C-alpha cells in the first residue's frame, strides 16, 4: 500500500497537535502541583506516550493513562514524615529484627581526662616504688684511656718569664685539674700529661691551650681565663696578611698599633674586652669570637694607614654597643 507523502505529513501533524492538546489538558488538572513536579510529570508523560504508542493504541488510551498516573504531592511528603516512615532499617532498643537480632544500647564508662603540669612532674617522681640509679662519672682509668701527653715548645724570649712565673703557672694545672707538668730542658719544652686522678680527659687540652697562650706573650692572669671559660679563643695573624710592608714602613705600622706607651693597644683591649699580644710582625688576640672580630677590624684599619683618632671614634661606638648588650 502506498501512502502519499502529503497524507502521511498531515497525519503526523494531527498526532502532534493532539498530543499537545492532551498535554495541556493534563497540566490544567494539576492545580496543587509545584513547579518541581510539573517538569517531572511532563517528562513522565512523554516517556509514557513514546512507550505506549504502538498498534492498537489510541490517543484516548494514552490520555487515560496519563491522567491515572499518580503524581507526588507536598501533602504526601508531610504525611510520610508524620507517619515516621524513613529509609533504611529502624533499630530500637529491646526490639528484634526479622533475623532475630535484638539491639540494645551499649553502656560506655565515663572517660576522665587529667592534665599533668610540668611543675608537678618532679613531685610525682617521688612516689615511684624505686629510686633512680645514680652512676658517678667514670675516671679516665676506668674508661680504659691510656696516658696522653702534650708538649709545648718554649721560645727563647719567653724562657725568662717562664722561670719567673713557673709556680703561679703550674698551680691551677696541678691542683685543680690533677695533671702532671714538667719542664724538659733538653727539648726546651713544657710537657703535660694526664694521671689516674684527672676527672676529665678534656682538661689536658685546656691546659695545653693555657700554656700555649703564655708562650705567645699573654700574662698568666689573662691566660688562666682559658681554663675557666669555654668560649675563649686565640686568633693569630701577621701584618703582611693585611698589607705587604717592609723596613721602616713595617716599624711605623707596629708603632701605630701599639701607640705611645701602649695607649692605642690598651684602648682597643678595653673597648673590645680582649687581650692583644704584639710579637714583632705577629699579632695574637685572646677573647670571644665576636670580640676578636671587633679588635681585628680596628687593628686592620691601623695597618692600612687610618689615623688613630678615627679608630678611637669607632671604638667609642663599639664600647657603647657592648654595654647596651650587657
C-alpha atoms as a PDB file:
ATOM      1  CA  UNK A   1       0.000   0.000   0.000  1.00  0.00           C
ATOM      2  CA  UNK A   2       1.466   3.331  -0.998  1.00  0.00           C
ATOM      3  CA  UNK A   3       0.620   6.333   1.169  1.00  0.00           C
ATOM      4  CA  UNK A   4       1.056   9.656  -0.463  1.00  0.00           C
ATOM      5  CA  UNK A   5       3.606  11.962   1.146  1.00  0.00           C
ATOM      6  CA  UNK A   6       1.076  14.694   1.811  1.00  0.00           C
ATOM      7  CA  UNK A   7      -1.278  12.295   3.606  1.00  0.00           C
ATOM      8  CA  UNK A   8       1.488  10.993   5.921  1.00  0.00           C
ATOM      9  CA  UNK A   9       2.610  14.514   6.695  1.00  0.00           C
ATOM     10  CA  UNK A  10      -0.933  15.595   7.610  1.00  0.00           C
ATOM     11  CA  UNK A  11      -1.406  12.545   9.814  1.00  0.00           C
ATOM     12  CA  UNK A  12       1.859  13.242  11.758  1.00  0.00           C
ATOM     13  CA  UNK A  13       0.864  16.858  12.169  1.00  0.00           C
ATOM     14  CA  UNK A  14      -2.555  15.912  13.521  1.00  0.00           C
ATOM     15  CA  UNK A  15      -0.980  13.474  16.014  1.00  0.00           C
ATOM     16  CA  UNK A  16       1.415  16.163  17.211  1.00  0.00           C
ATOM     17  CA  UNK A  17      -1.442  18.621  17.725  1.00  0.00           C
ATOM     18  CA  UNK A  18      -3.458  16.008  19.560  1.00  0.00           C
ATOM     19  CA  UNK A  19      -0.545  15.150  21.892  1.00  0.00           C
ATOM     20  CA  UNK A  20      -0.007  18.818  22.659  1.00  0.00           C
ATOM     21  CA  UNK A  21      -3.679  19.281  23.456  1.00  0.00           C
ATOM     22  CA  UNK A  22      -3.682  16.290  25.796  1.00  0.00           C
ATOM     23  CA  UNK A  23      -0.558  17.585  27.460  1.00  0.00           C
ATOM     24  CA  UNK A  24      -2.182  20.975  28.128  1.00  0.00           C
ATOM     25  CA  UNK A  25      -5.361  19.340  29.404  1.00  0.00           C
ATOM     26  CA  UNK A  26      -3.422  17.195  31.854  1.00  0.00           C
ATOM     27  CA  UNK A  27      -1.465  20.198  33.136  1.00  0.00           C
ATOM     28  CA  UNK A  28      -4.695  22.079  33.862  1.00  0.00           C
ATOM     29  CA  UNK A  29      -5.865  19.280  36.159  1.00  0.00           C
ATOM     30  CA  UNK A  30      -2.693  19.513  38.294  1.00  0.00           C
ATOM     31  CA  UNK A  31      -3.749  22.504  40.368  1.00  0.00           C
ATOM     32  CA  UNK A  32      -1.837  21.687  43.534  1.00  0.00           C
ATOM     33  CA  UNK A  33       1.364  20.617  41.838  1.00  0.00           C
ATOM     34  CA  UNK A  34       4.516  22.682  42.347  1.00  0.00           C
ATOM     35  CA  UNK A  35       6.809  23.668  39.527  1.00  0.00           C
ATOM     36  CA  UNK A  36       9.252  20.958  40.520  1.00  0.00           C
ATOM     37  CA  UNK A  37       6.700  18.208  39.844  1.00  0.00           C
ATOM     38  CA  UNK A  38       5.452  19.801  36.618  1.00  0.00           C
ATOM     39  CA  UNK A  39       8.781  19.095  34.961  1.00  0.00           C
ATOM     40  CA  UNK A  40       8.717  15.563  36.371  1.00  0.00           C
ATOM     41  CA  UNK A  41       5.192  14.951  35.092  1.00  0.00           C
ATOM     42  CA  UNK A  42       5.971  16.338  31.640  1.00  0.00           C
ATOM     43  CA  UNK A  43       8.968  14.038  31.271  1.00  0.00           C
ATOM     44  CA  UNK A  44       6.980  11.036  32.503  1.00  0.00           C
ATOM     45  CA  UNK A  45       4.136  11.874  30.126  1.00  0.00           C
ATOM     46  CA  UNK A  46       6.495  11.965  27.152  1.00  0.00           C
ATOM     47  CA  UNK A  47       8.024   8.660  28.154  1.00  0.00           C
ATOM     48  CA  UNK A  48       4.544   7.143  28.532  1.00  0.00           C
ATOM     49  CA  UNK A  49       3.488   8.466  25.159  1.00  0.00           C
ATOM     50  CA  UNK A  50       6.541   7.026  23.415  1.00  0.00           C
ATOM     51  CA  UNK A  51       6.455   3.633  25.142  1.00  0.00           C
ATOM     52  CA  UNK A  52       2.686   3.145  24.815  1.00  0.00           C
ATOM     53  CA  UNK A  53       2.441   4.080  21.208  1.00  0.00           C
ATOM     54  CA  UNK A  54       2.007   1.007  19.073  1.00  0.00           C
ATOM     55  CA  UNK A  55      -0.509  -0.942  17.033  1.00  0.00           C
ATOM     56  CA  UNK A  56      -3.987  -0.848  18.533  1.00  0.00           C
ATOM     57  CA  UNK A  57      -3.274   2.018  20.961  1.00  0.00           C
ATOM     58  CA  UNK A  58      -5.396   5.094  20.524  1.00  0.00           C
ATOM     59  CA  UNK A  59      -4.916   8.611  21.776  1.00  0.00           C
ATOM     60  CA  UNK A  60      -7.768   8.209  24.272  1.00  0.00           C
ATOM     61  CA  UNK A  61      -5.986   5.288  25.965  1.00  0.00           C
ATOM     62  CA  UNK A  62      -2.802   7.322  26.287  1.00  0.00           C
ATOM     63  CA  UNK A  63      -4.738  10.245  27.788  1.00  0.00           C
ATOM     64  CA  UNK A  64      -6.411   7.984  30.381  1.00  0.00           C
ATOM     65  CA  UNK A  65      -3.053   6.515  31.423  1.00  0.00           C
ATOM     66  CA  UNK A  66      -1.576   9.986  31.738  1.00  0.00           C
ATOM     67  CA  UNK A  67      -4.458  11.134  33.943  1.00  0.00           C
ATOM     68  CA  UNK A  68      -4.410   7.963  36.112  1.00  0.00           C
ATOM     69  CA  UNK A  69      -0.631   8.213  36.708  1.00  0.00           C
ATOM     70  CA  UNK A  70      -0.124   9.254  40.366  1.00  0.00           C
ATOM     71  CA  UNK A  71       1.895  12.412  40.898  1.00  0.00           C
ATOM     72  CA  UNK A  72       3.731  13.016  44.253  1.00  0.00           C
ATOM     73  CA  UNK A  73       2.341  15.985  46.180  1.00  0.00           C
ATOM     74  CA  UNK A  74       3.696  18.082  49.057  1.00  0.00           C
ATOM     75  CA  UNK A  75       0.922  16.766  51.313  1.00  0.00           C
ATOM     76  CA  UNK A  76       2.033  13.228  50.697  1.00  0.00           C
ATOM     77  CA  UNK A  77       5.551  14.022  51.854  1.00  0.00           C
ATOM     78  CA  UNK A  78       4.207  15.606  55.063  1.00  0.00           C
ATOM     79  CA  UNK A  79       2.056  12.551  55.737  1.00  0.00           C
ATOM     80  CA  UNK A  80       5.058  10.303  55.346  1.00  0.00           C
ATOM     81  CA  UNK A  81       7.056  12.385  57.843  1.00  0.00           C
ATOM     82  CA  UNK A  82       4.201  12.324  60.359  1.00  0.00           C
ATOM     83  CA  UNK A  83       3.845   8.595  59.914  1.00  0.00           C
ATOM     84  CA  UNK A  84       7.542   8.144  60.768  1.00  0.00           C
ATOM     85  CA  UNK A  85       8.441   6.264  57.624  1.00  0.00           C
ATOM     86  CA  UNK A  86      12.125   6.579  56.858  1.00  0.00           C
ATOM     87  CA  UNK A  87      14.585   4.927  54.601  1.00  0.00           C
ATOM     88  CA  UNK A  88      16.760   2.139  55.966  1.00  0.00           C
ATOM     89  CA  UNK A  89      16.268  -0.273  58.871  1.00  0.00           C
ATOM     90  CA  UNK A  90      14.844   1.004  62.165  1.00  0.00           C
ATOM     91  CA  UNK A  91      16.821  -0.145  65.181  1.00  0.00           C
ATOM     92  CA  UNK A  92      15.370   0.464  68.633  1.00  0.00           C
ATOM     93  CA  UNK A  93      16.428  -0.852  71.985  1.00  0.00           C
ATOM     94  CA  UNK A  94      14.702  -4.070  73.027  1.00  0.00           C
ATOM     95  CA  UNK A  95      13.198  -4.779  69.604  1.00  0.00           C
ATOM     96  CA  UNK A  96      14.311  -7.646  67.444  1.00  0.00           C
ATOM     97  CA  UNK A  97      14.734  -7.562  63.730  1.00  0.00           C
ATOM     98  CA  UNK A  98      13.460 -10.096  61.221  1.00  0.00           C
ATOM     99  CA  UNK A  99      16.626 -12.162  61.673  1.00  0.00           C
ATOM    100  CA  UNK A 100      16.025 -12.369  65.450  1.00  0.00           C
ATOM    101  CA  UNK A 101      18.848  -9.962  66.474  1.00  0.00           C
ATOM    102  CA  UNK A 102      17.981  -7.759  69.450  1.00  0.00           C
ATOM    103  CA  UNK A 103      19.632  -4.343  69.529  1.00  0.00           C
ATOM    104  CA  UNK A 104      20.445  -2.991  72.985  1.00  0.00           C
ATOM    105  CA  UNK A 105      22.074   0.357  73.809  1.00  0.00           C
ATOM    106  CA  UNK A 106      25.720  -0.025  74.794  1.00  0.00           C
ATOM    107  CA  UNK A 107      26.880   1.319  78.139  1.00  0.00           C
ATOM    108  CA  UNK A 108      30.119   3.312  77.961  1.00  0.00           C
ATOM    109  CA  UNK A 109      32.042   4.266  81.078  1.00  0.00           C
ATOM    110  CA  UNK A 110      32.841   7.919  81.617  1.00  0.00           C
ATOM    111  CA  UNK A 111      36.280   8.883  80.359  1.00  0.00           C
ATOM    112  CA  UNK A 112      38.243  11.050  82.784  1.00  0.00           C
ATOM    113  CA  UNK A 113      40.839  13.335  81.187  1.00  0.00           C
ATOM    114  CA  UNK A 114      43.562  14.602  83.501  1.00  0.00           C
ATOM    115  CA  UNK A 115      46.250  17.159  82.699  1.00  0.00           C
ATOM    116  CA  UNK A 116      49.706  16.867  84.232  1.00  0.00           C
ATOM    117  CA  UNK A 117      51.608  20.077  84.881  1.00  0.00           C
ATOM    118  CA  UNK A 118      55.322  20.192  84.246  1.00  0.00           C
ATOM    119  CA  UNK A 119      55.859  21.741  87.692  1.00  0.00           C
ATOM    120  CA  UNK A 120      54.188  18.818  89.453  1.00  0.00           C
ATOM    121  CA  UNK A 121      56.015  16.259  87.339  1.00  0.00           C
ATOM    122  CA  UNK A 122      59.013  16.184  89.669  1.00  0.00           C
ATOM    123  CA  UNK A 123      56.732  15.810  92.703  1.00  0.00           C
ATOM    124  CA  UNK A 124      55.186  12.699  91.198  1.00  0.00           C
ATOM    125  CA  UNK A 125      58.573  11.115  90.692  1.00  0.00           C
ATOM    126  CA  UNK A 126      58.991  10.869  94.446  1.00  0.00           C
ATOM    127  CA  UNK A 127      56.067   8.399  94.597  1.00  0.00           C
ATOM    128  CA  UNK A 128      57.865   5.860  92.425  1.00  0.00           C
ATOM    129  CA  UNK A 129      58.375   2.440  94.024  1.00  0.00           C
ATOM    130  CA  UNK A 130      62.125   2.679  93.395  1.00  0.00           C
ATOM    131  CA  UNK A 131      64.700   5.460  93.375  1.00  0.00           C
ATOM    132  CA  UNK A 132      66.579   6.488  90.287  1.00  0.00           C
ATOM    133  CA  UNK A 133      70.025   4.941  89.960  1.00  0.00           C
ATOM    134  CA  UNK A 134      72.966   7.262  90.314  1.00  0.00           C
ATOM    135  CA  UNK A 135      76.010   6.499  88.203  1.00  0.00           C
ATOM    136  CA  UNK A 136      79.124   8.554  89.009  1.00  0.00           C
ATOM    137  CA  UNK A 137      81.304   9.758  86.169  1.00  0.00           C
ATOM    138  CA  UNK A 138      83.963   7.337  85.057  1.00  0.00           C
ATOM    139  CA  UNK A 139      87.567   8.290  85.513  1.00  0.00           C
ATOM    140  CA  UNK A 140      89.958   8.067  82.552  1.00  0.00           C
ATOM    141  CA  UNK A 141      91.442   4.925  84.120  1.00  0.00           C
ATOM    142  CA  UNK A 142      88.020   3.255  84.346  1.00  0.00           C
ATOM    143  CA  UNK A 143      87.296   4.265  80.753  1.00  0.00           C
ATOM    144  CA  UNK A 144      90.425   2.469  79.653  1.00  0.00           C
ATOM    145  CA  UNK A 145      92.076   5.652  78.327  1.00  0.00           C
ATOM    146  CA  UNK A 146      95.846   5.458  78.254  1.00  0.00           C
ATOM    147  CA  UNK A 147      98.035   8.284  79.417  1.00  0.00           C
ATOM    148  CA  UNK A 148      98.377  11.095  76.915  1.00  0.00           C
ATOM    149  CA  UNK A 149     100.910  13.890  76.754  1.00  0.00           C
ATOM    150  CA  UNK A 150     101.087  17.401  75.272  1.00  0.00           C
ATOM    151  CA  UNK A 151     104.399  19.115  74.529  1.00  0.00           C
ATOM    152  CA  UNK A 152     104.526  22.932  74.215  1.00  0.00           C
ATOM    153  CA  UNK A 153     107.710  24.472  72.854  1.00  0.00           C
ATOM    154  CA  UNK A 154     109.180  27.452  74.719  1.00  0.00           C
ATOM    155  CA  UNK A 155     110.531  30.321  72.556  1.00  0.00           C
ATOM    156  CA  UNK A 156     113.855  31.861  73.507  1.00  0.00           C
ATOM    157  CA  UNK A 157     112.369  35.238  74.522  1.00  0.00           C
ATOM    158  CA  UNK A 158     109.809  33.520  76.838  1.00  0.00           C
ATOM    159  CA  UNK A 159     112.283  31.416  78.828  1.00  0.00           C
ATOM    160  CA  UNK A 160     112.978  34.109  81.410  1.00  0.00           C
ATOM    161  CA  UNK A 161     109.288  34.977  82.014  1.00  0.00           C
ATOM    162  CA  UNK A 162     108.577  31.238  82.305  1.00  0.00           C
ATOM    163  CA  UNK A 163     111.155  30.808  85.067  1.00  0.00           C
ATOM    164  CA  UNK A 164     109.807  33.855  86.914  1.00  0.00           C
ATOM    165  CA  UNK A 165     106.148  32.756  86.816  1.00  0.00           C
ATOM    166  CA  UNK A 166     106.629  28.984  86.943  1.00  0.00           C
ATOM    167  CA  UNK A 167     104.958  28.434  90.323  1.00  0.00           C
ATOM    168  CA  UNK A 168     101.892  30.578  89.514  1.00  0.00           C
ATOM    169  CA  UNK A 169     101.721  28.989  86.063  1.00  0.00           C
ATOM    170  CA  UNK A 170     101.515  25.318  87.130  1.00  0.00           C
ATOM    171  CA  UNK A 171      99.408  25.843  90.279  1.00  0.00           C
ATOM    172  CA  UNK A 172      95.910  25.724  88.638  1.00  0.00           C
ATOM    173  CA  UNK A 173      97.001  22.890  86.349  1.00  0.00           C
ATOM    174  CA  UNK A 174      98.275  20.626  89.104  1.00  0.00           C
ATOM    175  CA  UNK A 175      95.884  21.438  91.978  1.00  0.00           C
ATOM    176  CA  UNK A 176      92.560  21.841  90.155  1.00  0.00           C
ATOM    177  CA  UNK A 177      92.977  19.698  87.036  1.00  0.00           C
ATOM    178  CA  UNK A 178      95.121  16.977  88.621  1.00  0.00           C
ATOM    179  CA  UNK A 179      97.599  16.958  85.715  1.00  0.00           C
ATOM    180  CA  UNK A 180     101.312  16.258  85.740  1.00  0.00           C
ATOM    181  CA  UNK A 181     103.610  19.024  84.433  1.00  0.00           C
ATOM    182  CA  UNK A 182     107.363  19.100  83.908  1.00  0.00           C
ATOM    183  CA  UNK A 183     109.938  21.221  82.090  1.00  0.00           C
ATOM    184  CA  UNK A 184     112.089  19.344  79.598  1.00  0.00           C
ATOM    185  CA  UNK A 185     115.251  21.439  79.467  1.00  0.00           C
ATOM    186  CA  UNK A 186     116.849  19.251  76.804  1.00  0.00           C
ATOM    187  CA  UNK A 187     113.996  19.839  74.346  1.00  0.00           C
ATOM    188  CA  UNK A 188     113.187  23.319  75.762  1.00  0.00           C
ATOM    189  CA  UNK A 189     109.513  22.390  76.057  1.00  0.00           C
ATOM    190  CA  UNK A 190     106.835  22.056  78.739  1.00  0.00           C
ATOM    191  CA  UNK A 191     105.278  18.571  78.898  1.00  0.00           C
ATOM    192  CA  UNK A 192     101.807  17.933  80.336  1.00  0.00           C
ATOM    193  CA  UNK A 193     100.158  14.528  80.787  1.00  0.00           C
ATOM    194  CA  UNK A 194      97.063  13.178  82.494  1.00  0.00           C
ATOM    195  CA  UNK A 195      97.053  10.958  85.576  1.00  0.00           C
ATOM    196  CA  UNK A 196      94.674   8.476  87.159  1.00  0.00           C
ATOM    197  CA  UNK A 197      93.267  11.277  89.333  1.00  0.00           C
ATOM    198  CA  UNK A 198      92.297  13.513  86.383  1.00  0.00           C
ATOM    199  CA  UNK A 199      88.485  13.878  86.465  1.00  0.00           C
ATOM    200  CA  UNK A 200      88.058  14.777  82.783  1.00  0.00           C
ATOM    201  CA  UNK A 201      90.232  13.940  79.818  1.00  0.00           C
ATOM    202  CA  UNK A 202      89.317  17.327  78.261  1.00  0.00           C
ATOM    203  CA  UNK A 203      91.398  19.114  80.897  1.00  0.00           C
ATOM    204  CA  UNK A 204      94.534  18.026  79.077  1.00  0.00           C
ATOM    205  CA  UNK A 205      93.727  20.094  76.002  1.00  0.00           C
ATOM    206  CA  UNK A 206      92.654  23.072  78.102  1.00  0.00           C
ATOM    207  CA  UNK A 207      95.965  23.039  79.950  1.00  0.00           C
ATOM    208  CA  UNK A 208      97.787  22.833  76.631  1.00  0.00           C
ATOM    209  CA  UNK A 209      95.965  25.934  75.332  1.00  0.00           C
ATOM    210  CA  UNK A 210      96.712  27.705  78.614  1.00  0.00           C
ATOM    211  CA  UNK A 211     100.457  27.064  78.286  1.00  0.00           C
ATOM    212  CA  UNK A 212     100.382  27.975  74.592  1.00  0.00           C
ATOM    213  CA  UNK A 213      98.770  31.345  75.406  1.00  0.00           C
ATOM    214  CA  UNK A 214     101.532  32.118  77.886  1.00  0.00           C
ATOM    215  CA  UNK A 215     104.190  31.255  75.307  1.00  0.00           C
ATOM    216  CA  UNK A 216     102.552  33.626  72.798  1.00  0.00           C
ATOM    217  CA  UNK A 217     103.123  36.567  75.146  1.00  0.00           C
ATOM    218  CA  UNK A 218      99.961  36.815  77.270  1.00  0.00           C
ATOM    219  CA  UNK A 219     100.240  37.337  81.017  1.00  0.00           C
ATOM    220  CA  UNK A 220      99.438  34.481  83.383  1.00  0.00           C
ATOM    221  CA  UNK A 221      96.270  36.126  84.870  1.00  0.00           C
ATOM    222  CA  UNK A 222      94.919  36.648  81.325  1.00  0.00           C
ATOM    223  CA  UNK A 223      95.836  33.168  80.105  1.00  0.00           C
ATOM    224  CA  UNK A 224      94.204  31.427  83.072  1.00  0.00           C
ATOM    225  CA  UNK A 225      90.807  32.566  81.727  1.00  0.00           C
ATOM    226  CA  UNK A 226      91.128  29.803  79.127  1.00  0.00           C
ATOM    227  CA  UNK A 227      90.832  27.251  81.941  1.00  0.00           C
ATOM    228  CA  UNK A 228      87.692  28.799  83.436  1.00  0.00           C
ATOM    229  CA  UNK A 229      85.710  29.773  80.329  1.00  0.00           C
ATOM    230  CA  UNK A 230      84.798  27.642  77.327  1.00  0.00           C
ATOM    231  CA  UNK A 231      84.063  30.362  74.756  1.00  0.00           C
ATOM    232  CA  UNK A 232      87.532  31.928  74.616  1.00  0.00           C
ATOM    233  CA  UNK A 233      89.815  31.532  71.612  1.00  0.00           C
ATOM    234  CA  UNK A 234      93.160  32.759  70.323  1.00  0.00           C
ATOM    235  CA  UNK A 235      93.496  34.123  66.801  1.00  0.00           C
ATOM    236  CA  UNK A 236      96.865  34.953  65.259  1.00  0.00           C
ATOM    237  CA  UNK A 237      97.788  36.767  62.043  1.00  0.00           C
ATOM    238  CA  UNK A 238     100.691  38.726  60.595  1.00  0.00           C
ATOM    239  CA  UNK A 239     100.932  42.272  59.289  1.00  0.00           C
ATOM    240  CA  UNK A 240     101.772  41.058  55.800  1.00  0.00           C
ATOM    241  CA  UNK A 241      98.447  39.169  55.711  1.00  0.00           C
ATOM    242  CA  UNK A 242      96.725  42.581  55.622  1.00  0.00           C
ATOM    243  CA  UNK A 243      99.279  44.656  53.699  1.00  0.00           C
ATOM    244  CA  UNK A 244     102.813  43.923  52.493  1.00  0.00           C
ATOM    245  CA  UNK A 245     105.116  46.318  54.355  1.00  0.00           C
ATOM    246  CA  UNK A 246     108.881  46.211  54.742  1.00  0.00           C
ATOM    247  CA  UNK A 247     111.604  48.160  56.536  1.00  0.00           C
ATOM    248  CA  UNK A 248     110.614  51.410  58.169  1.00  0.00           C
ATOM    249  CA  UNK A 249     107.056  51.151  56.895  1.00  0.00           C
ATOM    250  CA  UNK A 250     106.624  47.935  58.913  1.00  0.00           C
ATOM    251  CA  UNK A 251     108.134  49.547  62.026  1.00  0.00           C
ATOM    252  CA  UNK A 252     105.814  52.564  61.787  1.00  0.00           C
ATOM    253  CA  UNK A 253     102.823  50.221  61.345  1.00  0.00           C
ATOM    254  CA  UNK A 254     103.692  48.320  64.535  1.00  0.00           C
ATOM    255  CA  UNK A 255     104.134  51.677  66.304  1.00  0.00           C
ATOM    256  CA  UNK A 256     100.648  52.799  65.197  1.00  0.00           C
ATOM    257  CA  UNK A 257      99.126  49.590  66.604  1.00  0.00           C
ATOM    258  CA  UNK A 258     100.905  49.886  69.967  1.00  0.00           C
ATOM    259  CA  UNK A 259     100.678  53.686  70.307  1.00  0.00           C
ATOM    260  CA  UNK A 260     102.668  55.824  72.716  1.00  0.00           C
ATOM    261  CA  UNK A 261     103.377  53.739  75.835  1.00  0.00           C
ATOM    262  CA  UNK A 262     100.855  51.178  74.570  1.00  0.00           C
ATOM    263  CA  UNK A 263      97.973  53.676  74.650  1.00  0.00           C
ATOM    264  CA  UNK A 264      96.307  52.527  71.408  1.00  0.00           C
ATOM    265  CA  UNK A 265      96.718  48.832  72.260  1.00  0.00           C
ATOM    266  CA  UNK A 266      95.153  49.259  75.705  1.00  0.00           C
ATOM    267  CA  UNK A 267      92.289  51.301  74.247  1.00  0.00           C
ATOM    268  CA  UNK A 268      91.433  48.516  71.813  1.00  0.00           C
ATOM    269  CA  UNK A 269      91.651  45.899  74.585  1.00  0.00           C
ATOM    270  CA  UNK A 270      89.358  47.799  76.962  1.00  0.00           C
ATOM    271  CA  UNK A 271      86.809  48.679  74.272  1.00  0.00           C
ATOM    272  CA  UNK A 272      86.524  45.188  72.811  1.00  0.00           C
ATOM    273  CA  UNK A 273      87.146  43.186  76.038  1.00  0.00           C
ATOM    274  CA  UNK A 274      90.071  41.289  74.550  1.00  0.00           C
ATOM    275  CA  UNK A 275      93.800  40.910  75.132  1.00  0.00           C
ATOM    276  CA  UNK A 276      96.374  41.648  72.401  1.00  0.00           C
ATOM    277  CA  UNK A 277      99.955  40.422  72.169  1.00  0.00           C
ATOM    278  CA  UNK A 278     102.425  42.042  69.712  1.00  0.00           C
ATOM    279  CA  UNK A 279     105.395  39.864  68.803  1.00  0.00           C
ATOM    280  CA  UNK A 280     107.264  41.821  66.115  1.00  0.00           C
ATOM    281  CA  UNK A 281     105.110  41.470  62.978  1.00  0.00           C
ATOM    282  CA  UNK A 282     102.788  38.820  64.518  1.00  0.00           C
ATOM    283  CA  UNK A 283      99.592  39.778  66.339  1.00  0.00           C
ATOM    284  CA  UNK A 284      97.737  37.468  68.751  1.00  0.00           C
ATOM    285  CA  UNK A 285      94.222  38.230  70.056  1.00  0.00           C
ATOM    286  CA  UNK A 286      92.604  36.442  73.013  1.00  0.00           C
ATOM    287  CA  UNK A 287      88.838  36.719  73.541  1.00  0.00           C
ATOM    288  CA  UNK A 288      85.436  35.547  72.383  1.00  0.00           C
ATOM    289  CA  UNK A 289      84.593  35.144  68.716  1.00  0.00           C
ATOM    290  CA  UNK A 290      82.606  38.386  68.359  1.00  0.00           C
ATOM    291  CA  UNK A 291      85.099  40.456  70.365  1.00  0.00           C
ATOM    292  CA  UNK A 292      88.035  39.113  68.384  1.00  0.00           C
ATOM    293  CA  UNK A 293      86.350  40.291  65.189  1.00  0.00           C
ATOM    294  CA  UNK A 294      85.925  43.839  66.537  1.00  0.00           C
ATOM    295  CA  UNK A 295      89.542  44.044  67.681  1.00  0.00           C
ATOM    296  CA  UNK A 296      90.811  42.608  64.397  1.00  0.00           C
ATOM    297  CA  UNK A 297      88.907  45.216  62.393  1.00  0.00           C
ATOM    298  CA  UNK A 298      90.434  48.046  64.437  1.00  0.00           C
ATOM    299  CA  UNK A 299      93.955  46.660  64.050  1.00  0.00           C
ATOM    300  CA  UNK A 300      93.496  46.173  60.296  1.00  0.00           C
ATOM    301  CA  UNK A 301      92.400  49.802  59.961  1.00  0.00           C
ATOM    302  CA  UNK A 302      95.621  50.913  61.679  1.00  0.00           C
ATOM    303  CA  UNK A 303      97.723  48.675  59.424  1.00  0.00           C
ATOM    304  CA  UNK A 304      96.086  50.129  56.304  1.00  0.00           C
ATOM    305  CA  UNK A 305      97.014  53.645  57.433  1.00  0.00           C
ATOM    306  CA  UNK A 306      93.969  55.002  59.272  1.00  0.00           C
ATOM    307  CA  UNK A 307      94.603  57.714  61.836  1.00  0.00           C
ATOM    308  CA  UNK A 308      94.346  56.617  65.478  1.00  0.00           C
ATOM    309  CA  UNK A 309      91.710  59.315  66.061  1.00  0.00           C
ATOM    310  CA  UNK A 310      89.296  57.671  63.636  1.00  0.00           C
ATOM    311  CA  UNK A 311      89.899  54.304  65.266  1.00  0.00           C
ATOM    312  CA  UNK A 312      89.151  55.781  68.702  1.00  0.00           C
ATOM    313  CA  UNK A 313      85.848  57.167  67.409  1.00  0.00           C
ATOM    314  CA  UNK A 314      84.832  53.749  66.134  1.00  0.00           C
ATOM    315  CA  UNK A 315      85.893  52.151  69.417  1.00  0.00           C
ATOM    316  CA  UNK A 316      83.642  54.506  71.397  1.00  0.00           C
ATOM    317  CA  UNK A 317      80.679  53.388  69.300  1.00  0.00           C
ATOM    318  CA  UNK A 318      81.665  49.743  69.747  1.00  0.00           C
ATOM    319  CA  UNK A 319      82.036  50.077  73.515  1.00  0.00           C
ATOM    320  CA  UNK A 320      78.568  51.661  73.778  1.00  0.00           C
ATOM    321  CA  UNK A 321      77.053  48.754  71.823  1.00  0.00           C
ATOM    322  CA  UNK A 322      78.750  46.225  74.077  1.00  0.00           C
ATOM    323  CA  UNK A 323      77.484  47.987  77.200  1.00  0.00           C
ATOM    324  CA  UNK A 324      73.920  48.014  75.804  1.00  0.00           C
ATOM    325  CA  UNK A 325      74.096  44.262  75.188  1.00  0.00           C
ATOM    326  CA  UNK A 326      75.249  43.625  78.738  1.00  0.00           C
END
